[in-house]
């Protein structure tokens, strides 16, 4: 996999993103505007991950997720 986690901390962040895939924040028109960071950090804490490290990695994951969503929307004609 091209972007697979390269460390235990990276795996922890990926695990939280996958497990918390429903923890998205939506804007006024229903589009995704980001991740619910407090919910995901609490999930990391509950799973025994270092929440401080995960909280440093999640913004980059969020940026990638939003870029992928925007790309998908563009390729689908804005739908």
PDB file of N, CA and C in Angstrom:
ATOM      1  N   UNK A   1       0.855  -1.168   0.000  1.00  0.00           N
ATOM      2  CA  UNK A   1       0.000   0.000   0.000  1.00  0.00           C
ATOM      3  C   UNK A   1       0.904   1.235   0.000  1.00  0.00           C
ATOM      4  N   UNK A   2       0.597   2.188  -0.832  1.00  0.00           N
ATOM      5  CA  UNK A   2       1.439   3.365  -1.022  1.00  0.00           C
ATOM      6  C   UNK A   2       1.590   4.191   0.252  1.00  0.00           C
ATOM      7  N   UNK A   3       0.516   4.387   0.997  1.00  0.00           N
ATOM      8  CA  UNK A   3       0.547   5.271   2.159  1.00  0.00           C
ATOM      9  C   UNK A   3       0.353   4.535   3.473  1.00  0.00           C
ATOM     10  N   UNK A   4       0.807   3.298   3.545  1.00  0.00           N
ATOM     11  CA  UNK A   4       0.608   2.534   4.767  1.00  0.00           C
ATOM     12  C   UNK A   4       1.427   3.128   5.914  1.00  0.00           C
ATOM     13  N   UNK A   5       0.939   2.976   7.141  1.00  0.00           N
ATOM     14  CA  UNK A   5       1.657   3.509   8.304  1.00  0.00           C
ATOM     15  C   UNK A   5       3.064   2.921   8.394  1.00  0.00           C
ATOM     16  N   UNK A   6       4.029   3.761   8.770  1.00  0.00           N
ATOM     17  CA  UNK A   6       5.422   3.345   8.856  1.00  0.00           C
ATOM     18  C   UNK A   6       5.892   3.154  10.304  1.00  0.00           C
ATOM     19  N   UNK A   7       5.006   3.394  11.275  1.00  0.00           N
ATOM     20  CA  UNK A   7       5.382   3.280  12.681  1.00  0.00           C
ATOM     21  C   UNK A   7       4.161   2.838  13.492  1.00  0.00           C
ATOM     22  N   UNK A   8       4.413   2.473  14.738  1.00  0.00           N
ATOM     23  CA  UNK A   8       3.297   2.115  15.613  1.00  0.00           C
ATOM     24  C   UNK A   8       2.373   3.304  15.824  1.00  0.00           C
ATOM     25  N   UNK A   9       2.942   4.497  15.943  1.00  0.00           N
ATOM     26  CA  UNK A   9       2.118   5.695  16.114  1.00  0.00           C
ATOM     27  C   UNK A   9       1.288   5.969  14.861  1.00  0.00           C
ATOM     28  N   UNK A  10       1.894   5.759  13.701  1.00  0.00           N
ATOM     29  CA  UNK A  10       1.155   5.920  12.456  1.00  0.00           C
ATOM     30  C   UNK A  10       0.021   4.914  12.356  1.00  0.00           C
ATOM     31  N   UNK A  11       0.293   3.678  12.777  1.00  0.00           N
ATOM     32  CA  UNK A  11      -0.760   2.668  12.791  1.00  0.00           C
ATOM     33  C   UNK A  11      -1.884   3.086  13.732  1.00  0.00           C
ATOM     34  N   UNK A  12      -1.534   3.622  14.895  1.00  0.00           N
ATOM     35  CA  UNK A  12      -2.551   4.061  15.860  1.00  0.00           C
ATOM     36  C   UNK A  12      -3.451   5.120  15.232  1.00  0.00           C
ATOM     37  N   UNK A  13      -2.841   6.102  14.568  1.00  0.00           N
ATOM     38  CA  UNK A  13      -3.637   7.158  13.930  1.00  0.00           C
ATOM     39  C   UNK A  13      -4.531   6.572  12.840  1.00  0.00           C
ATOM     40  N   UNK A  14      -3.986   5.656  12.025  1.00  0.00           N
ATOM     41  CA  UNK A  14      -4.768   5.025  10.962  1.00  0.00           C
ATOM     42  C   UNK A  14      -5.922   4.219  11.551  1.00  0.00           C
ATOM     43  N   UNK A  15      -5.645   3.500  12.633  1.00  0.00           N
ATOM     44  CA  UNK A  15      -6.680   2.710  13.292  1.00  0.00           C
ATOM     45  C   UNK A  15      -7.810   3.608  13.789  1.00  0.00           C
ATOM     46  N   UNK A  16      -7.456   4.743  14.355  1.00  0.00           N
ATOM     47  CA  UNK A  16      -8.473   5.674  14.861  1.00  0.00           C
ATOM     48  C   UNK A  16      -9.276   6.268  13.706  1.00  0.00           C
ATOM     49  N   UNK A  17      -8.632   6.613  12.619  1.00  0.00           N
ATOM     50  CA  UNK A  17      -9.348   7.143  11.446  1.00  0.00           C
ATOM     51  C   UNK A  17     -10.331   6.094  10.922  1.00  0.00           C
ATOM     52  N   UNK A  18      -9.878   4.856  10.808  1.00  0.00           N
ATOM     53  CA  UNK A  18     -10.750   3.793  10.291  1.00  0.00           C
ATOM     54  C   UNK A  18     -11.900   3.501  11.249  1.00  0.00           C
ATOM     55  N   UNK A  19     -11.588   3.402  12.528  1.00  0.00           N
ATOM     56  CA  UNK A  19     -12.616   3.087  13.523  1.00  0.00           C
ATOM     57  C   UNK A  19     -13.589   4.245  13.698  1.00  0.00           C
ATOM     58  N   UNK A  20     -13.094   5.455  13.529  1.00  0.00           N
ATOM     59  CA  UNK A  20     -13.936   6.634  13.740  1.00  0.00           C
ATOM     60  C   UNK A  20     -14.420   7.263  12.457  1.00  0.00           C
ATOM     61  N   UNK A  21     -14.592   6.450  11.426  1.00  0.00           N
ATOM     62  CA  UNK A  21     -14.965   6.988  10.111  1.00  0.00           C
ATOM     63  C   UNK A  21     -16.300   7.735  10.120  1.00  0.00           C
ATOM     64  N   UNK A  22     -17.102   7.550  11.143  1.00  0.00           N
ATOM     65  CA  UNK A  22     -18.370   8.279  11.231  1.00  0.00           C
ATOM     66  C   UNK A  22     -18.228   9.591  11.987  1.00  0.00           C
ATOM     67  N   UNK A  23     -17.032   9.877  12.487  1.00  0.00           N
ATOM     68  CA  UNK A  23     -16.812  11.085  13.270  1.00  0.00           C
ATOM     69  C   UNK A  23     -16.372  12.243  12.371  1.00  0.00           C
ATOM     70  N   UNK A  24     -17.244  12.613  11.468  1.00  0.00           N
ATOM     71  CA  UNK A  24     -16.973  13.701  10.532  1.00  0.00           C
ATOM     72  C   UNK A  24     -17.808  14.914  10.904  1.00  0.00           C
ATOM     73  N   UNK A  25     -17.267  16.072  10.673  1.00  0.00           N
ATOM     74  CA  UNK A  25     -18.011  17.314  10.886  1.00  0.00           C
ATOM     75  C   UNK A  25     -18.510  17.793   9.531  1.00  0.00           C
ATOM     76  N   UNK A  26     -19.794  18.113   9.499  1.00  0.00           N
ATOM     77  CA  UNK A  26     -20.418  18.553   8.246  1.00  0.00           C
ATOM     78  C   UNK A  26     -20.691  20.055   8.297  1.00  0.00           C
ATOM     79  N   UNK A  27     -20.589  20.684   7.124  1.00  0.00           N
ATOM     80  CA  UNK A  27     -20.879  22.099   7.015  1.00  0.00           C
ATOM     81  C   UNK A  27     -22.360  22.326   6.754  1.00  0.00           C
ATOM     82  N   UNK A  28     -22.717  23.571   6.556  1.00  0.00           N
ATOM     83  CA  UNK A  28     -24.108  23.968   6.370  1.00  0.00           C
ATOM     84  C   UNK A  28     -24.799  23.311   5.187  1.00  0.00           C
ATOM     85  N   UNK A  29     -24.070  22.992   4.154  1.00  0.00           N
ATOM     86  CA  UNK A  29     -24.660  22.372   2.966  1.00  0.00           C
ATOM     87  C   UNK A  29     -24.459  20.854   2.969  1.00  0.00           C
ATOM     88  N   UNK A  30     -24.005  20.307   4.104  1.00  0.00           N
ATOM     89  CA  UNK A  30     -23.840  18.867   4.224  1.00  0.00           C
ATOM     90  C   UNK A  30     -22.489  18.334   3.808  1.00  0.00           C
ATOM     91  N   UNK A  31     -21.601  19.197   3.335  1.00  0.00           N
ATOM     92  CA  UNK A  31     -20.273  18.745   2.946  1.00  0.00           C
ATOM     93  C   UNK A  31     -19.384  18.512   4.160  1.00  0.00           C
ATOM     94  N   UNK A  32     -18.435  17.630   4.039  1.00  0.00           N
ATOM     95  CA  UNK A  32     -17.513  17.341   5.127  1.00  0.00           C
ATOM     96  C   UNK A  32     -16.522  18.492   5.265  1.00  0.00           C
ATOM     97  N   UNK A  33     -16.377  19.005   6.491  1.00  0.00           N
ATOM     98  CA  UNK A  33     -15.440  20.095   6.748  1.00  0.00           C
ATOM     99  C   UNK A  33     -14.282  19.669   7.647  1.00  0.00           C
ATOM    100  N   UNK A  34     -14.338  18.455   8.156  1.00  0.00           N
ATOM    101  CA  UNK A  34     -13.244  17.985   8.989  1.00  0.00           C
ATOM    102  C   UNK A  34     -13.647  16.808   9.851  1.00  0.00           C
ATOM    103  N   UNK A  35     -12.731  16.432  10.719  1.00  0.00           N
ATOM    104  CA  UNK A  35     -12.946  15.336  11.648  1.00  0.00           C
ATOM    105  C   UNK A  35     -13.336  15.878  13.017  1.00  0.00           C
ATOM    106  N   UNK A  36     -14.068  15.101  13.770  1.00  0.00           N
ATOM    107  CA  UNK A  36     -14.404  15.467  15.141  1.00  0.00           C
ATOM    108  C   UNK A  36     -13.204  15.069  16.005  1.00  0.00           C
ATOM    109  N   UNK A  37     -12.232  15.960  16.070  1.00  0.00           N
ATOM    110  CA  UNK A  37     -10.970  15.654  16.739  1.00  0.00           C
ATOM    111  C   UNK A  37     -11.140  15.235  18.198  1.00  0.00           C
ATOM    112  N   UNK A  38     -11.929  15.955  19.011  1.00  0.00           N
ATOM    113  CA  UNK A  38     -12.072  15.517  20.406  1.00  0.00           C
ATOM    114  C   UNK A  38     -12.597  14.081  20.526  1.00  0.00           C
ATOM    115  N   UNK A  39     -13.539  13.707  19.684  1.00  0.00           N
ATOM    116  CA  UNK A  39     -14.083  12.345  19.732  1.00  0.00           C
ATOM    117  C   UNK A  39     -13.015  11.327  19.341  1.00  0.00           C
ATOM    118  N   UNK A  40     -12.223  11.628  18.315  1.00  0.00           N
ATOM    119  CA  UNK A  40     -11.191  10.696  17.870  1.00  0.00           C
ATOM    120  C   UNK A  40     -10.052  10.580  18.880  1.00  0.00           C
ATOM    121  N   UNK A  41      -9.704  11.687  19.510  1.00  0.00           N
ATOM    122  CA  UNK A  41      -8.645  11.649  20.524  1.00  0.00           C
ATOM    123  C   UNK A  41      -9.110  10.848  21.735  1.00  0.00           C
ATOM    124  N   UNK A  42     -10.358  11.007  22.116  1.00  0.00           N
ATOM    125  CA  UNK A  42     -10.897  10.200  23.214  1.00  0.00           C
ATOM    126  C   UNK A  42     -10.909   8.725  22.837  1.00  0.00           C
ATOM    127  N   UNK A  43     -11.244   8.421  21.597  1.00  0.00           N
ATOM    128  CA  UNK A  43     -11.219   7.035  21.130  1.00  0.00           C
ATOM    129  C   UNK A  43      -9.800   6.480  21.223  1.00  0.00           C
ATOM    130  N   UNK A  44      -8.811   7.284  20.844  1.00  0.00           N
ATOM    131  CA  UNK A  44      -7.415   6.848  20.944  1.00  0.00           C
ATOM    132  C   UNK A  44      -7.052   6.554  22.396  1.00  0.00           C
ATOM    133  N   UNK A  45      -7.451   7.444  23.268  1.00  0.00           N
ATOM    134  CA  UNK A  45      -7.169   7.261  24.692  1.00  0.00           C
ATOM    135  C   UNK A  45      -7.796   5.962  25.202  1.00  0.00           C
ATOM    136  N   UNK A  46      -9.049   5.724  24.824  1.00  0.00           N
ATOM    137  CA  UNK A  46      -9.758   4.524  25.272  1.00  0.00           C
ATOM    138  C   UNK A  46      -9.147   3.246  24.711  1.00  0.00           C
ATOM    139  N   UNK A  47      -8.517   3.336  23.549  1.00  0.00           N
ATOM    140  CA  UNK A  47      -7.877   2.155  22.946  1.00  0.00           C
ATOM    141  C   UNK A  47      -6.453   1.957  23.447  1.00  0.00           C
ATOM    142  N   UNK A  48      -6.013   2.844  24.322  1.00  0.00           N
ATOM    143  CA  UNK A  48      -4.679   2.699  24.908  1.00  0.00           C
ATOM    144  C   UNK A  48      -3.552   3.301  24.102  1.00  0.00           C
ATOM    145  N   UNK A  49      -3.874   4.100  23.093  1.00  0.00           N
ATOM    146  CA  UNK A  49      -2.851   4.773  22.305  1.00  0.00           C
ATOM    147  C   UNK A  49      -2.416   6.051  23.012  1.00  0.00           C
ATOM    148  N   UNK A  50      -1.244   6.541  22.660  1.00  0.00           N
ATOM    149  CA  UNK A  50      -0.763   7.809  23.191  1.00  0.00           C
ATOM    150  C   UNK A  50      -1.568   8.925  22.518  1.00  0.00           C
ATOM    151  N   UNK A  51      -2.517   9.477  23.249  1.00  0.00           N
ATOM    152  CA  UNK A  51      -3.441  10.459  22.676  1.00  0.00           C
ATOM    153  C   UNK A  51      -2.728  11.721  22.200  1.00  0.00           C
ATOM    154  N   UNK A  52      -1.641  12.096  22.871  1.00  0.00           N
ATOM    155  CA  UNK A  52      -0.905  13.293  22.456  1.00  0.00           C
ATOM    156  C   UNK A  52      -0.280  13.095  21.072  1.00  0.00           C
ATOM    157  N   UNK A  53       0.327  11.942  20.874  1.00  0.00           N
ATOM    158  CA  UNK A  53       0.946  11.662  19.568  1.00  0.00           C
ATOM    159  C   UNK A  53      -0.124  11.542  18.492  1.00  0.00           C
ATOM    160  N   UNK A  54      -1.198  10.819  18.777  1.00  0.00           N
ATOM    161  CA  UNK A  54      -2.280  10.673  17.796  1.00  0.00           C
ATOM    162  C   UNK A  54      -2.847  12.051  17.445  1.00  0.00           C
ATOM    163  N   UNK A  55      -2.979  12.917  18.449  1.00  0.00           N
ATOM    164  CA  UNK A  55      -3.529  14.256  18.184  1.00  0.00           C
ATOM    165  C   UNK A  55      -2.621  15.071  17.284  1.00  0.00           C
ATOM    166  N   UNK A  56      -1.333  14.755  17.255  1.00  0.00           N
ATOM    167  CA  UNK A  56      -0.399  15.446  16.348  1.00  0.00           C
ATOM    168  C   UNK A  56      -0.488  14.898  14.927  1.00  0.00           C
ATOM    169  N   UNK A  57      -0.881  13.632  14.803  1.00  0.00           N
ATOM    170  CA  UNK A  57      -0.955  12.997  13.482  1.00  0.00           C
ATOM    171  C   UNK A  57      -2.301  13.204  12.794  1.00  0.00           C
ATOM    172  N   UNK A  58      -3.354  13.349  13.580  1.00  0.00           N
ATOM    173  CA  UNK A  58      -4.693  13.453  12.989  1.00  0.00           C
ATOM    174  C   UNK A  58      -4.883  14.645  12.049  1.00  0.00           C
ATOM    175  N   UNK A  59      -4.322  15.836  12.321  1.00  0.00           N
ATOM    176  CA  UNK A  59      -4.517  16.938  11.371  1.00  0.00           C
ATOM    177  C   UNK A  59      -4.010  16.634   9.960  1.00  0.00           C
ATOM    178  N   UNK A  60      -2.896  15.912   9.858  1.00  0.00           N
ATOM    179  CA  UNK A  60      -2.397  15.539   8.527  1.00  0.00           C
ATOM    180  C   UNK A  60      -3.337  14.535   7.865  1.00  0.00           C
ATOM    181  N   UNK A  61      -3.852  13.599   8.658  1.00  0.00           N
ATOM    182  CA  UNK A  61      -4.815  12.636   8.122  1.00  0.00           C
ATOM    183  C   UNK A  61      -6.080  13.361   7.671  1.00  0.00           C
ATOM    184  N   UNK A  62      -6.505  14.334   8.459  1.00  0.00           N
ATOM    185  CA  UNK A  62      -7.695  15.114   8.107  1.00  0.00           C
ATOM    186  C   UNK A  62      -7.473  15.854   6.791  1.00  0.00           C
ATOM    187  N   UNK A  63      -6.316  16.452   6.639  1.00  0.00           N
ATOM    188  CA  UNK A  63      -5.999  17.178   5.402  1.00  0.00           C
ATOM    189  C   UNK A  63      -6.054  16.246   4.197  1.00  0.00           C
ATOM    190  N   UNK A  64      -5.484  15.054   4.334  1.00  0.00           N
ATOM    191  CA  UNK A  64      -5.521  14.081   3.247  1.00  0.00           C
ATOM    192  C   UNK A  64      -6.930  13.622   2.940  1.00  0.00           C
ATOM    193  N   UNK A  65      -7.713  13.403   3.985  1.00  0.00           N
ATOM    194  CA  UNK A  65      -9.103  12.988   3.806  1.00  0.00           C
ATOM    195  C   UNK A  65      -9.903  14.060   3.064  1.00  0.00           C
ATOM    196  N   UNK A  66      -9.753  15.302   3.474  1.00  0.00           N
ATOM    197  CA  UNK A  66     -10.488  16.387   2.817  1.00  0.00           C
ATOM    198  C   UNK A  66     -10.054  16.558   1.363  1.00  0.00           C
ATOM    199  N   UNK A  67      -8.753  16.386   1.090  1.00  0.00           N
ATOM    200  CA  UNK A  67      -8.266  16.479  -0.289  1.00  0.00           C
ATOM    201  C   UNK A  67      -8.850  15.352  -1.135  1.00  0.00           C
ATOM    202  N   UNK A  68      -8.922  14.137  -0.568  1.00  0.00           N
ATOM    203  CA  UNK A  68      -9.484  12.998  -1.305  1.00  0.00           C
ATOM    204  C   UNK A  68     -10.971  13.202  -1.570  1.00  0.00           C
ATOM    205  N   UNK A  69     -11.685  13.743  -0.595  1.00  0.00           N
ATOM    206  CA  UNK A  69     -13.117  14.009  -0.785  1.00  0.00           C
ATOM    207  C   UNK A  69     -13.308  15.049  -1.885  1.00  0.00           C
ATOM    208  N   UNK A  70     -12.507  16.118  -1.850  1.00  0.00           N
ATOM    209  CA  UNK A  70     -12.617  17.167  -2.870  1.00  0.00           C
ATOM    210  C   UNK A  70     -12.311  16.615  -4.256  1.00  0.00           C
ATOM    211  N   UNK A  71     -11.296  15.773  -4.339  1.00  0.00           N
ATOM    212  CA  UNK A  71     -10.938  15.161  -5.619  1.00  0.00           C
ATOM    213  C   UNK A  71     -12.068  14.271  -6.123  1.00  0.00           C
ATOM    214  N   UNK A  72     -12.645  13.517  -5.232  1.00  0.00           N
ATOM    215  CA  UNK A  72     -13.754  12.618  -5.602  1.00  0.00           C
ATOM    216  C   UNK A  72     -14.958  13.429  -6.077  1.00  0.00           C
ATOM    217  N   UNK A  73     -15.260  14.508  -5.362  1.00  0.00           N
ATOM    218  CA  UNK A  73     -16.383  15.359  -5.752  1.00  0.00           C
ATOM    219  C   UNK A  73     -16.149  15.958  -7.134  1.00  0.00           C
ATOM    220  N   UNK A  74     -14.925  16.389  -7.386  1.00  0.00           N
ATOM    221  CA  UNK A  74     -14.602  16.974  -8.681  1.00  0.00           C
ATOM    222  C   UNK A  74     -14.738  15.944  -9.798  1.00  0.00           C
ATOM    223  N   UNK A  75     -14.269  14.726  -9.550  1.00  0.00           N
ATOM    224  CA  UNK A  75     -14.346  13.696 -10.580  1.00  0.00           C
ATOM    225  C   UNK A  75     -15.789  13.210 -10.804  1.00  0.00           C
ATOM    226  N   UNK A  76     -16.630  13.365  -9.771  1.00  0.00           N
ATOM    227  CA  UNK A  76     -18.029  12.984  -9.894  1.00  0.00           C
ATOM    228  C   UNK A  76     -18.892  14.119 -10.434  1.00  0.00           C
ATOM    229  N   UNK A  77     -18.264  15.220 -10.808  1.00  0.00           N
ATOM    230  CA  UNK A  77     -19.005  16.352 -11.348  1.00  0.00           C
ATOM    231  C   UNK A  77     -19.651  17.222 -10.284  1.00  0.00           C
ATOM    232  N   UNK A  78     -19.077  17.229  -9.079  1.00  0.00           N
ATOM    233  CA  UNK A  78     -19.588  18.094  -8.013  1.00  0.00           C
ATOM    234  C   UNK A  78     -20.762  17.548  -7.261  1.00  0.00           C
ATOM    235  N   UNK A  79     -21.096  16.295  -7.468  1.00  0.00           N
ATOM    236  CA  UNK A  79     -22.261  15.711  -6.789  1.00  0.00           C
ATOM    237  C   UNK A  79     -21.876  15.140  -5.462  1.00  0.00           C
TER     238      UNK A  79
END
